[in-house]
Protein backbone atom coordinates (compact mmCIF):
# COMPACT_ATOMS: atom_id res chain seq x y z
CA GLN A 1 99.54 122.24 112.00
CA VAL A 2 99.74 118.49 112.48
CA GLN A 3 103.15 117.02 113.14
CA LEU A 4 104.19 113.45 113.85
CA VAL A 5 107.66 112.89 115.27
CA GLU A 6 109.27 109.48 115.54
CA SER A 7 112.09 108.79 117.96
CA GLY A 8 113.99 105.90 119.49
CA GLY A 9 115.85 104.59 116.48
CA GLY A 10 119.50 103.74 116.48
CA LEU A 11 122.08 101.02 116.12
CA VAL A 12 121.39 97.72 117.85
CA GLN A 13 122.96 94.28 117.66
CA PRO A 14 121.00 91.30 116.34
CA GLY A 15 118.82 89.93 119.09
CA GLY A 16 118.54 93.30 120.76
CA SER A 17 115.52 95.49 121.44
CA LEU A 18 114.39 99.02 120.73
CA ARG A 19 111.26 100.98 121.48
CA LEU A 20 110.16 103.55 118.96
CA SER A 21 107.81 106.38 119.80
CA CYS A 22 105.59 108.50 117.59
CA THR A 23 104.30 111.67 119.20
CA SER A 24 101.61 113.78 117.63
CA SER A 25 101.08 117.52 117.92
CA GLY A 26 98.29 119.51 116.41
CA ILE A 27 95.83 116.61 116.52
CA SER A 28 94.67 114.21 119.21
CA ILE A 29 95.31 110.65 118.16
CA GLY A 30 92.51 109.15 120.24
CA ASP A 31 89.93 108.95 117.45
CA TYR A 32 92.20 107.73 114.69
CA VAL A 33 93.98 104.63 113.51
CA MET A 34 97.73 104.87 113.80
CA LEU A 35 100.15 102.83 111.72
CA TRP A 36 103.83 101.96 111.58
CA TYR A 37 105.55 101.51 108.23
CA ARG A 38 109.15 100.83 107.35
CA GLN A 39 111.34 101.17 104.31
CA ALA A 40 114.74 99.57 103.91
CA PRO A 41 117.26 102.27 102.97
CA ASN A 42 118.73 102.34 99.47
CA SER A 43 116.95 99.13 98.53
CA GLY A 44 114.33 100.41 96.13
CA LYS A 45 111.75 98.48 98.13
CA ARG A 46 108.33 99.94 98.74
CA ARG A 47 107.31 101.16 102.15
CA GLU A 48 106.08 98.14 104.11
CA LEU A 49 103.26 98.12 106.63
CA VAL A 50 104.55 96.90 109.99
CA GLY A 51 101.30 97.15 111.91
CA LEU A 52 98.44 99.29 113.03
CA ALA A 53 96.74 100.36 116.24
CA PRO A 54 93.06 101.17 115.79
CA ALA A 55 91.35 103.83 117.87
CA SER A 56 89.77 100.98 119.80
CA GLY A 57 90.49 97.29 119.74
CA SER A 58 93.60 95.25 119.33
CA ALA A 59 96.64 96.11 117.30
CA ASN A 60 97.54 94.08 114.23
CA LEU A 61 101.04 93.31 113.05
CA ALA A 62 102.53 91.92 109.89
CA ASP A 63 103.30 88.22 109.94
CA SER A 64 107.02 88.92 109.62
CA VAL A 65 107.13 90.74 112.95
CA LYS A 66 104.11 89.67 115.00
CA ALA A 67 106.08 87.28 117.19
CA ARG A 68 108.65 89.95 118.01
CA PHE A 69 107.03 93.39 117.84
CA THR A 70 104.25 95.01 119.86
CA ILE A 71 102.29 98.15 119.10
CA SER A 72 100.69 100.20 121.83
CA ARG A 73 99.34 103.68 122.21
CA ASP A 74 98.91 106.16 125.03
CA ASN A 75 96.22 108.54 123.91
CA ALA A 76 96.69 110.76 126.94
CA LYS A 77 100.28 111.34 125.84
CA ASN A 78 99.31 111.52 122.17
CA THR A 79 101.92 108.85 121.51
CA MET A 80 102.12 105.48 119.81
CA TYR A 81 104.89 102.98 120.49
CA LEU A 82 106.55 100.12 118.66
CA GLN A 83 108.38 97.70 120.91
CA MET A 84 110.79 95.65 118.86
CA ASN A 85 112.45 92.57 120.35
CA ASN A 86 114.82 89.99 118.95
CA LEU A 87 115.77 92.33 116.14
CA LYS A 88 117.20 90.89 112.95
CA SER A 89 119.31 92.42 110.21
CA GLU A 90 116.29 92.40 107.91
CA ASP A 91 114.54 94.79 110.32
CA THR A 92 117.01 97.50 109.32
CA ALA A 93 114.90 100.29 107.88
CA VAL A 94 113.57 103.77 108.35
CA TYR A 95 110.44 103.46 110.46
CA TYR A 96 107.58 105.87 109.84
CA CYS A 97 104.38 106.52 111.69
CA ASN A 98 101.15 107.43 109.99
CA LEU A 99 97.83 108.82 111.20
CA ARG A 100 94.71 108.27 109.09
CA GLN A 101 92.28 111.07 109.74
CA ASP A 102 89.86 109.89 107.07
CA ALA A 103 89.84 108.36 103.58
CA ARG A 104 91.52 111.40 102.09
CA VAL A 105 93.64 112.86 104.85
CA GLU A 106 96.65 111.27 106.43
CA TYR A 107 99.82 112.48 108.07
CA TRP A 108 103.35 111.08 108.09
CA GLY A 109 106.34 111.54 110.28
CA LYS A 110 109.82 111.96 108.84
CA GLY A 111 110.98 108.61 110.12
CA THR A 112 113.60 107.21 112.44
CA LEU A 113 116.40 104.91 111.30
CA VAL A 114 116.84 101.51 112.89
CA THR A 115 120.06 99.70 112.06
CA VAL A 116 120.51 96.11 113.19
CA SER A 117 124.12 95.10 112.85
CA SER A 118 126.92 93.48 114.77
């Protein structure tokens, strides 16, 4: 059974930093693209793509975060990371990781809440 578990969320002041982790069990992430999404709580907004880390090659991030966030992955640890710096109130959201096994099969974590507030 494949399971993705996000961790590292919490409350942080504007300008602060957090590092989120997404650890996979039941599947090795090495061959697959991994993605981070976020969804602002209670806003009715759709889930937003934050960025992706391909199996090989460079990560890509949304324009709204690319100057502040970094995605990395440690395949040996079956873990993907999202380093978030200079956090803003608009970054407040539940952050989800996603693994795309193929065109029809994908897996989601349950999310971790990031709250940016003074």
